[in-house]
Protein backbone atom coordinates (compact mmCIF):
# COMPACT_ATOMS: atom_id res chain seq x y z
CA UNK A 1 123.10 119.64 102.74
CA UNK A 2 121.88 120.42 106.04
CA UNK A 3 118.63 118.47 105.37
CA UNK A 4 120.96 115.39 104.29
CA UNK A 5 123.13 115.83 107.70
CA UNK A 6 120.05 116.02 109.86
CA UNK A 7 118.45 112.73 108.18
CA UNK A 8 122.22 110.75 108.76
CA UNK A 9 122.09 111.99 112.40
CA UNK A 10 118.42 111.23 113.04
CA UNK A 11 119.18 107.83 111.33
CA UNK A 12 122.30 106.83 113.71
CA UNK A 13 120.10 108.00 116.92
CA UNK A 14 117.67 105.87 116.13
CA UNK A 15 120.01 103.05 115.18
CA UNK A 16 121.62 103.52 118.68
CA UNK A 17 118.68 102.44 120.74
CA UNK A 18 117.81 100.19 117.81
CA UNK A 19 120.61 97.73 118.64
CA UNK A 20 118.56 96.00 121.14
CA UNK A 21 115.63 95.90 118.92
CA UNK A 22 116.85 92.91 116.83
CA UNK A 23 115.84 93.03 112.82
CA UNK A 24 113.88 90.32 111.36
CA UNK A 25 111.84 89.95 108.31
CA UNK A 26 108.73 88.12 107.30
CA UNK A 27 108.13 86.49 104.32
CA UNK A 28 105.18 84.81 102.78
CA UNK A 29 105.19 84.60 98.83
CA UNK A 30 106.67 87.63 97.41
CA UNK A 31 105.69 89.92 100.06
CA UNK A 32 108.17 90.90 102.81
CA UNK A 33 107.09 92.58 105.61
CA UNK A 34 110.49 94.12 108.05
CA UNK A 35 109.87 94.31 111.78
CA UNK A 36 111.78 94.68 114.69
CA UNK A 37 111.50 92.75 118.05
CA UNK A 38 112.82 93.48 121.44
CA UNK A 39 112.80 90.44 124.08
CA UNK A 40 112.37 90.83 127.45
CA UNK A 41 115.44 91.74 129.36
CA UNK A 42 115.71 87.90 131.47
CA UNK A 43 114.05 86.14 128.45
CA UNK A 44 113.30 82.52 129.34
CA UNK A 45 112.65 80.26 126.32
CA UNK A 46 109.32 78.55 126.93
CA UNK A 47 108.11 81.07 128.79
CA UNK A 48 105.35 82.96 127.68
CA UNK A 49 105.24 86.47 127.55
CA UNK A 50 102.74 89.10 126.76
CA UNK A 51 103.22 90.80 122.99
CA UNK A 52 103.16 94.31 122.13
CA UNK A 53 102.78 95.03 118.59
CA UNK A 54 103.17 99.21 117.54
CA UNK A 55 102.59 100.56 114.39
CA UNK A 56 103.95 103.50 113.25
CA UNK A 57 102.72 106.56 111.12
CA UNK A 58 103.13 107.42 107.43
CA UNK A 59 106.61 109.04 107.90
CA UNK A 60 108.53 106.17 108.92
CA UNK A 61 107.46 104.05 105.80
CA UNK A 62 110.08 102.44 104.12
CA UNK A 63 111.91 99.14 103.70
CA UNK A 64 114.99 100.14 105.63
CA UNK A 65 113.90 98.21 108.98
CA UNK A 66 114.87 100.85 111.15
CA UNK A 67 112.39 104.09 110.82
CA UNK A 68 109.88 102.58 112.49
CA UNK A 69 111.61 102.93 115.98
CA UNK A 70 111.57 107.05 115.79
CA UNK A 71 108.52 107.27 118.13
CA UNK A 72 107.52 105.28 121.18
CA UNK A 73 110.59 102.67 120.84
CA UNK A 74 112.45 104.30 123.73
CA UNK A 75 109.64 103.50 126.53
CA UNK A 76 110.37 100.27 126.16
CA UNK A 77 113.87 100.24 126.57
CA UNK A 78 113.46 101.71 129.73
CA UNK A 79 115.35 99.45 132.23
CA UNK A 80 112.76 99.97 134.86
CA UNK A 81 109.76 99.83 132.92
CA UNK A 82 111.28 96.33 131.52
CA UNK A 83 111.90 95.00 134.53
CA UNK A 84 108.14 95.91 136.13
CA UNK A 85 106.41 94.92 132.66
CA UNK A 86 108.38 92.25 130.71
CA UNK A 87 107.35 91.79 127.50
CA UNK A 88 107.90 90.92 123.66
CA UNK A 89 107.71 94.28 121.79
CA UNK A 90 107.62 94.44 118.07
CA UNK A 91 107.83 97.66 115.66
CA UNK A 92 106.41 95.94 112.18
CA UNK A 93 107.37 98.28 108.97
CA UNK A 94 104.67 99.44 106.14
CA UNK A 95 106.24 100.06 102.46
CA UNK A 96 106.13 102.97 100.97
CA UNK A 97 103.04 104.06 99.19
CA UNK A 98 101.23 101.29 101.75
CA UNK A 99 98.83 101.36 104.66
CA UNK A 100 98.16 99.74 107.56
CA UNK A 101 94.26 100.36 107.16
CA UNK A 102 92.19 100.09 104.10
CA UNK A 103 91.15 103.65 102.73
CA UNK A 104 88.85 104.16 100.21
CA UNK A 105 89.05 107.94 99.04
CA UNK A 106 85.84 109.89 97.18
CA UNK A 107 88.01 111.67 94.42
CA UNK A 108 85.11 114.14 94.42
CA UNK A 109 85.45 115.36 98.05
CA UNK A 110 88.33 117.01 99.98
CA UNK A 111 90.51 116.39 102.69
CA UNK A 112 88.80 113.56 105.20
CA UNK A 113 85.19 114.44 103.92
CA UNK A 114 85.03 111.69 101.57
CA UNK A 115 87.54 108.88 103.38
CA UNK A 116 86.02 105.47 104.30
CA UNK A 117 87.85 103.08 106.10
CA UNK A 118 86.60 99.66 105.22
CA UNK A 119 87.23 96.59 107.03
CA UNK A 120 85.01 94.31 105.18
CA UNK A 121 87.11 93.86 102.39
CA UNK A 122 91.10 92.20 101.72
CA UNK A 123 93.52 93.71 104.44
CA UNK A 124 96.35 95.70 103.20
CA UNK A 125 99.17 93.45 102.14
CA UNK A 126 101.49 94.73 105.55
CA UNK A 127 98.03 94.25 107.40
CA UNK A 128 97.81 90.60 106.40
CA UNK A 129 101.24 90.05 106.95
CA UNK A 130 101.51 91.05 110.41
CA UNK A 131 98.46 89.02 111.08
CA UNK A 132 100.22 86.31 110.08
CA UNK A 133 103.54 87.37 111.82
CA UNK A 134 101.38 87.34 114.94
CA UNK A 135 100.27 83.85 114.25
CA UNK A 136 103.58 82.47 113.65
CA UNK A 137 104.50 84.05 117.20
CA UNK A 138 102.24 82.48 118.87
CA UNK A 139 102.99 79.38 117.50
CA UNK A 140 106.33 80.15 119.11
CA UNK A 141 104.96 79.38 122.54
CA UNK A 142 106.57 82.48 123.74
CA UNK A 143 103.46 84.69 123.65
CA UNK A 144 100.35 84.32 125.96
CA UNK A 145 97.53 84.60 123.78
CA UNK A 146 95.37 86.20 126.89
CA UNK A 147 97.92 89.59 126.57
CA UNK A 148 98.16 90.75 122.89
CA UNK A 149 98.32 94.43 122.98
CA UNK A 150 98.18 96.69 119.98
CA UNK A 151 98.55 100.47 119.09
CA UNK A 152 100.07 103.05 116.94
CA UNK A 153 100.12 106.27 116.04
CA UNK A 154 98.42 108.21 113.39
CA UNK A 155 98.62 105.63 110.40
CA UNK A 156 99.23 103.23 112.96
CA UNK A 157 96.15 104.51 114.87
CA UNK A 158 94.29 104.03 111.76
CA UNK A 159 95.61 100.13 111.43
CA UNK A 160 94.81 100.04 115.11
CA UNK A 161 91.24 100.15 114.51
CA UNK A 162 91.55 98.45 111.26
CA UNK A 163 92.94 94.92 112.90
CA UNK A 164 90.65 95.77 115.90
CA UNK A 165 87.94 95.12 113.75
CA UNK A 166 89.02 92.62 111.36
CA UNK A 167 90.10 90.52 114.29
CA UNK A 168 87.81 91.48 117.45
CA UNK A 169 89.00 88.93 119.90
CA UNK A 170 92.53 88.75 119.58
CA UNK A 171 93.75 91.66 121.58
CA UNK A 172 93.23 92.07 125.23
CA UNK A 173 94.25 95.94 125.07
CA UNK A 174 94.79 98.97 122.23
CA UNK A 175 96.13 102.41 122.34
CA UNK A 176 95.21 104.34 119.14
CA UNK A 177 97.13 107.69 118.60
CA UNK A 178 95.94 110.40 116.40
CA UNK A 179 94.34 107.95 114.31
CA UNK A 180 91.10 107.47 112.47
CA UNK A 181 89.05 104.80 111.66
CA UNK A 182 85.07 103.66 110.95
CA UNK A 183 83.36 103.82 114.42
CA UNK A 184 80.22 101.81 112.98
CA UNK A 185 82.51 98.61 113.46
CA UNK A 186 82.89 99.49 117.25
CA UNK A 187 80.88 96.80 118.10
CA UNK A 188 82.77 94.37 117.04
CA UNK A 189 85.28 94.22 120.02
CA UNK A 190 83.57 96.00 122.38
CA UNK A 191 83.44 93.04 125.06
CA UNK A 192 86.74 91.60 124.25
CA UNK A 193 89.53 94.67 123.98
CA UNK A 194 89.95 97.47 126.31
CA UNK A 195 91.17 100.74 124.66
CA UNK A 196 92.86 104.05 125.69
CA UNK A 197 92.62 106.83 122.77
CA UNK A 198 94.71 109.71 122.57
CA UNK A 199 94.35 112.90 120.54
CA UNK A 200 95.96 116.41 120.35
CA UNK A 201 92.94 118.74 120.58
CA UNK A 202 94.79 121.19 117.77
CA UNK A 203 95.75 118.20 115.26
CA UNK A 204 95.85 119.86 111.99
CA UNK A 205 96.60 116.59 110.16
CA UNK A 206 94.32 114.14 111.39
CA UNK A 207 91.16 115.76 112.65
CA UNK A 208 90.19 115.30 116.43
CA UNK A 209 86.92 114.55 115.68
CA UNK A 210 87.81 110.77 114.66
CA UNK A 211 88.98 109.82 117.86
CA UNK A 212 86.14 111.69 119.84
CA UNK A 213 83.33 109.87 117.64
CA UNK A 214 84.90 106.71 118.25
CA UNK A 215 85.23 107.10 121.98
CA UNK A 216 81.49 107.95 122.06
CA UNK A 217 80.77 104.71 119.68
CA UNK A 218 82.90 102.57 122.08
CA UNK A 219 81.07 104.20 125.37
CA UNK A 220 77.86 103.69 124.16
CA UNK A 221 78.60 100.25 123.36
CA UNK A 222 79.58 99.72 127.15
CA UNK A 223 83.27 99.22 125.92
CA UNK A 224 85.63 99.50 128.73
CA UNK A 225 87.33 102.79 127.00
CA UNK A 226 89.26 105.68 128.04
CA UNK A 227 90.09 108.89 126.19
CA UNK A 228 92.89 111.40 126.93
CA UNK A 229 92.84 114.60 124.74
CA UNK A 230 95.79 117.12 124.86
CA UNK A 231 94.75 120.63 124.72
CA UNK A 232 96.78 122.79 122.53
CA UNK A 233 98.77 120.07 121.18
CA UNK A 234 98.89 119.21 117.47
CA UNK A 235 100.02 116.05 115.39
CA UNK A 236 102.70 115.02 117.73
CA UNK A 237 100.65 114.10 120.33
CA UNK A 238 102.30 110.46 120.65
CA UNK A 239 105.24 112.54 122.40
CA UNK A 240 102.34 112.70 124.99
CA UNK A 241 100.87 109.45 125.11
CA UNK A 242 104.09 107.58 125.24
CA UNK A 243 104.92 109.95 128.39
CA UNK A 244 102.07 108.42 130.34
CA UNK A 245 103.13 107.32 133.21
CA UNK A 246 100.64 104.41 133.15
CA UNK A 247 100.37 103.31 129.88
CA UNK A 248 102.28 100.16 130.62
CA UNK A 249 100.33 99.46 134.06
CA UNK A 250 97.24 99.78 132.14
CA UNK A 251 97.83 97.58 129.11
CA UNK A 252 99.34 94.60 131.75
CA UNK A 253 96.10 95.12 133.96
CA UNK A 254 94.07 93.82 130.72
CA UNK A 255 93.80 89.83 129.73
CA UNK A 256 91.81 87.91 127.61
CA UNK A 257 89.59 85.44 129.25
């Protein structure tokens, strides 16, 4: 009973600040991607705006089209930030038992030891739909193709690395939080995408070594990359990352040529 009440209060809390994020669905064939969209405060049709994509973690999967707003959405509702950094923001939602990145598991290995991130095969259904949604939004005439930004937390951080590897020239900047990926793909987007990687030093869900390794590979390849590791912080490093005072300023400082 207490858990049900807590869940209900959580949903109502999310719904409260989700009112500005309008519910939409993107459908292709038999597949559907729910997503929430926030327009700039003084949106003007025909004006091209930056687009920010935020991918949620495993705990926010489903089809309610609201849970994905649990982490990070409040940042984009801040009045002063919306005025200073007008942008279109989308929070897509992954269905249960799916993921943003293709992960192949070795059944003979334990934990993360045998996990392989593969961006050279067909993307997951949510990831494929997200890319088509971006194409659709770009075709609307309201999105500046030079200022596409992507980020995500945990499973969404993995999705961030995955989508960068698949579409290496699409995004001007990215912010993977407590994520993981195959650093062998780093050279693909080294010269097209700036990154700011975040992780908690005491993360016992997604090992911090993934972010450290990806950062090292990007730095060696000559990428524009920042890395912030939070001492004493566990898996919820997204709380710290979304509280970074210069996150949006850094995002908007990057533009594709």
